[in-house]
Amino acid sequence: MERDPTLRPELRLKARGALGNATGRYEAVQRVALDDGWDLPEEERLLQTEVRLERPRSAISWNRSPDLPFDRSVNPYRGCEHGCVYCFARPSHAWLNLSPGLDFETRLIARPGIDAVLEREIARKSYAVAPIALGTNTDPYQPCEVEHRLMRGVLEVLARWQHPVAITTKGTLVERDLDLLAPMARDGLVRVGISVTTLDPALSRSMEPRAPLPARRLQVIRRLAEAGVPVRVMVAPVVPGLTDPELDAILAAAKEAGAVAASWIMLRLPLEVAPLMQQWLQARVPGRAAKVMARIREVHGGRDYDPAWGRRMRGEGIWAELIARRFDAAVARLGLAVAQPPLRCDLFAPPPRAGDQLTLF
């Protein structure tokens, strides 16, 4: 496959999901690498990840999507170094005048101070408590969390206020925070979803190049479960024609590791994600590329993606129905719940402060 014209010729990619870096949809110009006629050799260099800092003005993002089980979320980072080529969040980078391609996984933005902003927001008298979702756009436990520790700060605020939280991640750094998560779990304040797309390490390394390998994610499920944290395995996304044959095996492996619940989501290819995924299929699994795209279009009404509420997560048609039936049969056989008990909101309260008057009883 020819090199993508949006890449400079001296640039070398290693463990990246996207194969190109097309400009975002809001930019007025398109950038491509062209030979300028000067026969001067360029020194080859590896594309590195860079993290810029942003001072957050707000922490909680609100949504009214009728097919989402939460109405608020917090995102400590913009972009995600895991580099999953299929990530539905890639188009959000275009709002920053960055590419949903390689920029999304190499030009990250960390939001230091988001914990303090969050604490101010939930301390308002007008705030009505409900579970906060973390990891719904980009992974809060991606590699740069080692240095920036923003997720840790957010969790510390939520633990102090006894605020319910639902976490979605592929990252192993969630194990670092078991000292916070285990007590919150005992009080019914937290649950964690671990995404497992495939059990094939080679396919995982190609499709989600900087995310932990599947076997390591199963270990994360086990460690969380042993600490008393309820874990849901998320078979997400299901790539029809590529990963859907693994559905039963993933659920069985997660159950054995200690998962108590399960969910699945059909592959979604909004906006710039569709051409990125097609390019990846042609380069990495060329023999299956046409079949996969045909299946994707069958479950999305003939299009690469159908954004309609109620259909975007599941798709429609015979293939979507078959996957749904297989999932239902597997979770019933394995004893995995689809719905989990609601997180507690009645414990939410400001933490005691120095000088507060103590109650008599």
Protein backbone atom coordinates (compact mmCIF):
# COMPACT_ATOMS: atom_id res chain seq x y z
CA MET A 1 0.00 0.00 0.00
CA GLU A 2 1.31 3.45 -0.94
CA ARG A 3 2.36 5.83 1.79
CA ASP A 4 -0.35 8.27 2.78
CA PRO A 5 0.30 11.66 1.11
CA THR A 6 -0.46 13.54 4.33
CA LEU A 7 2.74 12.15 5.92
CA ARG A 8 6.13 13.76 5.46
CA PRO A 9 8.54 11.31 3.80
CA GLU A 10 11.05 11.32 6.64
CA LEU A 11 8.43 10.55 9.29
CA ARG A 12 8.40 6.99 10.66
CA LEU A 13 5.41 5.50 12.43
CA LYS A 14 5.67 2.93 15.20
CA ALA A 15 2.70 1.47 17.08
CA ARG A 16 0.17 3.91 15.66
CA GLY A 17 -3.41 3.12 14.66
CA ALA A 18 -4.09 5.75 12.01
CA LEU A 19 -1.99 5.63 8.85
CA GLY A 20 -2.59 9.22 7.80
CA ASN A 21 -3.07 12.73 9.17
CA ALA A 22 -5.65 14.44 7.00
CA THR A 23 -6.65 17.91 8.16
CA GLY A 24 -9.83 18.27 10.16
CA ARG A 25 -13.17 19.13 8.60
CA TYR A 26 -13.20 22.70 9.95
CA GLU A 27 -9.86 23.77 8.46
CA ALA A 28 -9.80 25.95 5.37
CA VAL A 29 -6.81 24.24 3.74
CA GLN A 30 -5.64 20.68 3.16
CA ARG A 31 -2.01 19.74 3.81
CA VAL A 32 -0.15 17.11 1.79
CA ALA A 33 3.54 16.23 1.53
CA LEU A 34 4.98 17.05 -1.91
CA ASP A 35 8.46 16.82 -3.39
CA ASP A 36 9.79 20.38 -3.51
CA GLY A 37 12.43 19.51 -6.09
CA TRP A 38 15.36 20.01 -3.75
CA ASP A 39 17.34 16.79 -3.68
CA LEU A 40 18.28 17.12 -0.01
CA PRO A 41 17.99 14.05 2.20
CA GLU A 42 15.81 14.39 5.29
CA GLU A 43 16.91 12.58 8.43
CA GLU A 44 14.36 9.93 9.37
CA ARG A 45 12.61 10.58 12.66
CA LEU A 46 10.05 8.72 14.73
CA LEU A 47 6.69 10.36 15.30
CA GLN A 48 6.57 11.12 19.02
CA THR A 49 3.66 11.85 21.34
CA GLU A 50 3.41 15.39 22.68
CA VAL A 51 1.15 16.57 25.51
CA ARG A 52 0.03 20.16 25.77
CA LEU A 53 -1.69 21.70 28.79
CA GLU A 54 -5.10 23.37 28.90
CA ARG A 55 -6.57 25.24 31.84
CA PRO A 56 -10.13 23.93 32.14
CA ARG A 57 -12.94 26.40 32.64
CA SER A 58 -15.45 23.60 33.26
CA ALA A 59 -15.16 19.95 34.19
CA ILE A 60 -18.57 18.35 33.69
CA SER A 61 -19.85 17.76 30.14
CA TRP A 62 -23.61 17.32 29.84
CA ASN A 63 -25.52 15.28 27.28
CA ARG A 64 -29.17 14.54 26.55
CA SER A 65 -28.64 11.54 24.28
CA PRO A 66 -31.61 9.20 24.79
CA ASP A 67 -29.54 6.07 24.12
CA LEU A 68 -26.83 6.80 26.71
CA PRO A 69 -27.19 5.66 30.34
CA PHE A 70 -25.62 8.83 31.80
CA ASP A 71 -26.19 12.56 31.46
CA ARG A 72 -22.80 13.85 32.63
CA SER A 73 -19.16 12.99 32.15
CA VAL A 74 -15.66 14.29 32.86
CA ASN A 75 -12.74 14.06 30.42
CA PRO A 76 -9.29 14.80 31.90
CA TYR A 77 -7.62 14.43 28.47
CA ARG A 78 -8.33 15.31 24.86
CA GLY A 79 -7.01 12.76 22.36
CA CYS A 80 -5.84 9.27 23.30
CA GLU A 81 -2.46 7.63 22.86
CA HIS A 82 -3.98 4.15 22.80
CA GLY A 83 -4.47 4.88 19.11
CA CYS A 84 -7.47 2.62 18.49
CA VAL A 85 -8.12 3.09 14.79
CA TYR A 86 -11.87 2.59 15.22
CA CYS A 87 -12.32 5.16 18.02
CA PHE A 88 -15.58 7.07 17.58
CA ALA A 89 -14.07 10.01 19.51
CA ARG A 90 -11.50 10.84 16.83
CA PRO A 91 -13.69 13.51 15.14
CA SER A 92 -13.65 15.56 18.36
CA HIS A 93 -10.04 16.51 17.59
CA ALA A 94 -11.24 18.48 14.56
CA TRP A 95 -12.79 21.00 16.97
CA LEU A 96 -9.22 21.81 18.02
CA ASN A 97 -8.07 22.29 14.39
CA LEU A 98 -6.15 19.04 14.71
CA SER A 99 -6.41 15.90 12.62
CA PRO A 100 -8.66 13.06 13.77
CA GLY A 101 -5.92 10.85 12.32
CA LEU A 102 -2.44 10.73 13.81
CA ASP A 103 -2.89 14.03 15.67
CA PHE A 104 -5.62 12.40 17.79
CA GLU A 105 -3.15 9.84 19.15
CA THR A 106 0.06 11.93 19.18
CA ARG A 107 -0.99 15.53 19.98
CA LEU A 108 -2.74 15.17 23.30
CA ILE A 109 -4.12 17.77 25.67
CA ALA A 110 -4.05 17.34 29.44
CA ARG A 111 -6.28 19.48 31.65
CA PRO A 112 -4.46 20.06 34.96
CA GLY A 113 -6.64 21.52 37.66
CA ILE A 114 -9.73 19.72 36.45
CA ASP A 115 -10.14 18.16 39.88
CA ALA A 116 -10.48 21.56 41.55
CA VAL A 117 -12.92 22.75 38.88
CA LEU A 118 -14.97 19.58 39.36
CA GLU A 119 -15.09 20.11 43.11
CA ARG A 120 -16.39 23.65 42.63
CA GLU A 121 -19.10 22.41 40.28
CA ILE A 122 -20.42 19.62 42.49
CA ALA A 123 -20.29 21.94 45.54
CA ARG A 124 -22.88 24.30 44.06
CA LYS A 125 -26.20 24.35 45.89
CA SER A 126 -27.98 23.85 42.58
CA TYR A 127 -26.07 20.66 41.76
CA ALA A 128 -28.26 17.52 41.66
CA VAL A 129 -26.21 14.37 42.16
CA ALA A 130 -26.23 11.53 39.60
CA PRO A 131 -23.43 9.18 38.47
CA ILE A 132 -20.56 10.81 36.61
CA ALA A 133 -19.14 8.82 33.69
CA LEU A 134 -15.38 8.76 33.12
CA GLY A 135 -13.77 7.40 29.96
CA THR A 136 -16.74 7.94 27.68
CA ASN A 137 -14.77 9.96 25.11
CA THR A 138 -11.05 9.31 25.64
CA ASP A 139 -9.44 6.91 28.08
CA PRO A 140 -8.64 8.51 31.46
CA TYR A 141 -6.03 5.79 32.09
CA GLN A 142 -4.04 6.27 28.89
CA PRO A 143 -0.22 6.29 29.20
CA CYS A 144 0.18 10.03 29.95
CA GLU A 145 -1.81 9.55 33.17
CA VAL A 146 1.40 8.14 34.67
CA GLU A 147 2.91 11.63 34.61
CA HIS A 148 -0.11 13.92 34.90
CA ARG A 149 -2.26 11.97 37.40
CA LEU A 150 -5.41 13.89 36.47
CA MET A 151 -7.68 10.87 36.79
CA ARG A 152 -6.28 10.26 40.26
CA GLY A 153 -7.18 13.81 41.27
CA VAL A 154 -10.72 13.49 39.89
CA LEU A 155 -11.25 10.22 41.77
CA GLU A 156 -9.99 11.76 45.01
CA VAL A 157 -12.60 14.53 44.71
CA LEU A 158 -15.40 12.05 44.00
CA ALA A 159 -14.31 9.83 46.89
CA ARG A 160 -14.27 12.78 49.33
CA TRP A 161 -17.79 13.78 48.35
CA GLN A 162 -19.01 10.17 48.14
CA HIS A 163 -20.13 10.84 44.59
CA PRO A 164 -21.14 7.88 42.36
CA VAL A 165 -18.96 7.22 39.30
CA ALA A 166 -18.86 4.79 36.37
CA ILE A 167 -15.47 4.27 34.69
CA THR A 168 -14.73 2.92 31.22
CA THR A 169 -11.14 2.03 30.31
CA LYS A 170 -8.68 -0.25 28.59
CA GLY A 171 -5.81 0.96 30.79
CA THR A 172 -4.00 -0.97 33.48
CA LEU A 173 -3.43 2.19 35.54
CA VAL A 174 -6.87 1.66 37.04
CA GLU A 175 -5.13 -0.86 39.31
CA ARG A 176 -3.12 1.99 40.83
CA ASP A 177 -6.30 3.51 42.21
CA LEU A 178 -7.65 0.44 43.98
CA ASP A 179 -7.04 2.17 47.31
CA LEU A 180 -9.82 4.59 46.30
CA LEU A 181 -11.98 2.27 44.21
CA ALA A 182 -12.29 -0.58 46.70
CA PRO A 183 -13.79 1.53 49.54
CA MET A 184 -16.07 3.30 47.06
CA ALA A 185 -17.22 -0.08 45.75
CA ARG A 186 -18.07 -1.26 49.27
CA ASP A 187 -20.36 1.78 49.54
CA GLY A 188 -21.98 1.14 46.15
CA LEU A 189 -20.40 4.22 44.60
CA VAL A 190 -18.39 2.83 41.66
CA ARG A 191 -18.34 0.32 38.88
CA VAL A 192 -15.79 -0.20 36.10
CA GLY A 193 -16.18 -1.26 32.49
CA ILE A 194 -13.20 -2.89 30.78
CA SER A 195 -13.27 -2.88 26.98
CA VAL A 196 -12.11 -6.10 25.27
CA THR A 197 -12.41 -6.01 21.48
CA THR A 198 -10.53 -9.20 20.59
CA LEU A 199 -8.54 -11.96 22.29
CA ASP A 200 -6.06 -12.09 19.39
CA PRO A 201 -2.90 -10.26 20.54
CA ALA A 202 -1.66 -9.63 16.99
CA LEU A 203 -4.97 -8.14 15.87
CA SER A 204 -5.18 -6.06 19.05
CA ARG A 205 -1.66 -4.72 18.62
CA SER A 206 -2.50 -3.64 15.07
CA MET A 207 -5.98 -2.23 15.72
CA GLU A 208 -5.39 -0.65 19.16
CA PRO A 209 -1.57 -0.39 19.14
CA ARG A 210 -0.80 1.26 22.49
CA ALA A 211 -3.58 -0.25 24.56
CA PRO A 212 -2.77 -3.15 26.90
CA LEU A 213 -3.00 -6.55 25.24
CA PRO A 214 -6.21 -8.56 25.80
CA ALA A 215 -4.65 -10.97 28.29
CA ARG A 216 -3.49 -8.02 30.39
CA ARG A 217 -6.98 -6.51 30.37
CA LEU A 218 -8.37 -9.80 31.63
CA GLN A 219 -5.85 -9.57 34.48
CA VAL A 220 -7.20 -6.09 35.25
CA ILE A 221 -10.71 -7.54 35.46
CA ARG A 222 -9.42 -10.18 37.87
CA ARG A 223 -7.62 -7.68 40.11
CA LEU A 224 -10.61 -5.36 40.29
CA ALA A 225 -12.97 -8.23 41.01
CA GLU A 226 -10.71 -9.58 43.75
CA ALA A 227 -10.75 -6.11 45.34
CA GLY A 228 -14.55 -6.10 45.35
CA VAL A 229 -15.01 -3.64 42.47
CA PRO A 230 -17.90 -4.70 40.18
CA VAL A 231 -16.61 -5.07 36.62
CA ARG A 232 -18.51 -5.11 33.35
CA VAL A 233 -16.80 -6.50 30.25
CA MET A 234 -17.54 -4.34 27.23
CA VAL A 235 -17.26 -6.14 23.91
CA ALA A 236 -16.91 -2.84 22.17
CA PRO A 237 -16.79 -2.29 19.39
CA VAL A 238 -17.87 -5.47 17.63
CA VAL A 239 -16.32 -5.30 14.14
CA PRO A 240 -18.65 -7.35 11.92
CA GLY A 241 -16.75 -9.72 9.68
CA LEU A 242 -13.59 -9.38 11.77
CA THR A 243 -14.10 -9.71 15.54
CA ASP A 244 -17.72 -10.86 15.87
CA PRO A 245 -16.73 -14.59 15.83
CA GLU A 246 -14.93 -13.96 19.15
CA LEU A 247 -18.00 -12.69 21.00
CA ASP A 248 -18.65 -15.89 22.99
CA ALA A 249 -14.97 -16.45 23.78
CA ILE A 250 -14.49 -12.91 25.07
CA LEU A 251 -17.52 -13.17 27.34
CA ALA A 252 -16.40 -16.56 28.68
CA ALA A 253 -12.85 -15.32 29.37
CA ALA A 254 -14.17 -12.21 31.14
CA LYS A 255 -16.57 -14.27 33.25
CA GLU A 256 -13.71 -16.56 34.29
CA ALA A 257 -11.68 -13.48 35.27
CA GLY A 258 -14.45 -12.19 37.53
CA ALA A 259 -16.69 -9.91 35.45
CA VAL A 260 -20.26 -9.74 36.74
CA ALA A 261 -21.89 -7.97 33.80
CA ALA A 262 -21.46 -7.53 30.06
CA SER A 263 -22.42 -5.22 27.21
CA TRP A 264 -21.67 -4.82 23.51
CA ILE A 265 -21.65 -2.01 20.96
CA MET A 266 -21.55 -2.26 17.18
CA LEU A 267 -18.66 -0.54 15.40
CA ARG A 268 -19.40 3.13 14.78
CA LEU A 269 -17.62 5.05 12.01
CA PRO A 270 -18.70 8.70 12.29
CA LEU A 271 -17.24 11.38 10.03
CA GLU A 272 -13.45 11.02 9.64
CA VAL A 273 -13.34 7.59 11.31
CA ALA A 274 -14.78 5.82 8.24
CA PRO A 275 -11.89 6.61 5.84
CA LEU A 276 -9.33 5.93 8.59
CA MET A 277 -10.85 2.49 9.23
CA GLN A 278 -11.04 1.67 5.53
CA GLN A 279 -7.40 2.64 5.07
CA TRP A 280 -6.42 0.44 8.01
CA LEU A 281 -8.40 -2.52 6.66
CA GLN A 282 -6.74 -2.27 3.26
CA ALA A 283 -3.28 -2.07 4.81
CA ARG A 284 -3.58 -4.58 7.67
CA VAL A 285 -6.21 -7.15 6.62
CA PRO A 286 -6.57 -6.64 2.85
CA GLY A 287 -8.11 -10.04 2.28
CA ARG A 288 -11.01 -9.20 4.58
CA ALA A 289 -11.39 -5.49 3.93
CA ALA A 290 -14.23 -5.75 1.40
CA LYS A 291 -16.16 -8.24 3.56
CA VAL A 292 -15.85 -6.11 6.68
CA MET A 293 -17.03 -2.93 4.96
CA ALA A 294 -19.91 -4.82 3.35
CA ARG A 295 -21.01 -6.09 6.77
CA ILE A 296 -20.65 -2.62 8.30
CA ARG A 297 -22.87 -1.12 5.61
CA GLU A 298 -25.43 -3.89 6.00
CA VAL A 299 -25.85 -3.15 9.71
CA HIS A 300 -25.99 0.62 9.14
CA GLY A 301 -28.66 0.75 6.46
CA GLY A 302 -26.27 0.80 3.49
CA ARG A 303 -24.06 3.57 4.90
CA ASP A 304 -20.70 3.52 6.65
CA TYR A 305 -22.53 4.82 9.74
CA ASP A 306 -26.09 5.53 10.80
CA PRO A 307 -26.13 8.14 13.61
CA ALA A 308 -29.83 7.75 14.46
CA TRP A 309 -30.69 7.40 18.15
CA GLY A 310 -31.40 3.81 19.07
CA ARG A 311 -29.66 2.39 15.98
CA ARG A 312 -26.15 3.80 16.15
CA MET A 313 -25.05 1.49 19.00
CA ARG A 314 -26.63 -1.72 17.70
CA GLY A 315 -27.22 -1.41 13.98
CA GLU A 316 -30.10 -3.12 12.23
CA GLY A 317 -30.77 -6.00 9.87
CA ILE A 318 -29.97 -9.69 9.95
CA TRP A 319 -26.30 -9.42 10.98
CA ALA A 320 -27.01 -7.04 13.84
CA GLU A 321 -29.85 -9.29 15.00
CA LEU A 322 -27.63 -12.39 14.90
CA ILE A 323 -24.94 -10.68 16.99
CA ALA A 324 -27.56 -9.51 19.50
CA ARG A 325 -29.02 -13.00 19.81
CA ARG A 326 -25.59 -14.58 20.28
CA PHE A 327 -24.78 -12.03 22.97
CA ASP A 328 -28.07 -12.64 24.80
CA ALA A 329 -27.59 -16.41 24.67
CA ALA A 330 -24.00 -16.18 25.93
CA VAL A 331 -24.71 -13.89 28.88
CA ALA A 332 -27.65 -16.07 29.90
CA ARG A 333 -25.49 -19.20 29.74
CA LEU A 334 -22.61 -17.57 31.64
CA GLY A 335 -24.75 -15.83 34.24
CA LEU A 336 -23.54 -12.36 33.27
CA ALA A 337 -25.94 -9.54 34.03
CA VAL A 338 -26.86 -6.98 31.40
CA ALA A 339 -28.14 -4.38 33.87
CA GLN A 340 -26.24 -3.60 37.07
CA PRO A 341 -27.70 -2.26 40.33
CA PRO A 342 -27.93 1.54 40.39
CA LEU A 343 -25.08 3.39 42.04
CA ARG A 344 -25.93 5.07 45.33
CA CYS A 345 -26.60 8.80 45.33
CA ASP A 346 -27.88 9.10 48.90
CA LEU A 347 -24.37 9.24 50.41
CA PHE A 348 -23.37 12.38 48.49
CA ALA A 349 -22.33 15.09 50.93
CA PRO A 350 -19.63 17.74 51.31
CA PRO A 351 -16.58 16.43 53.15
CA PRO A 352 -16.11 17.75 56.69
CA ARG A 353 -13.82 20.76 56.84
CA ALA A 354 -11.56 22.07 59.57
CA GLY A 355 -13.65 24.12 62.01
CA ASP A 356 -16.99 22.53 61.08
CA GLN A 357 -19.34 22.10 64.04
CA LEU A 358 -19.85 18.42 64.84
CA THR A 359 -23.31 16.96 65.28
CA LEU A 360 -24.32 15.77 68.73
CA PHE A 361 -25.73 12.44 67.54
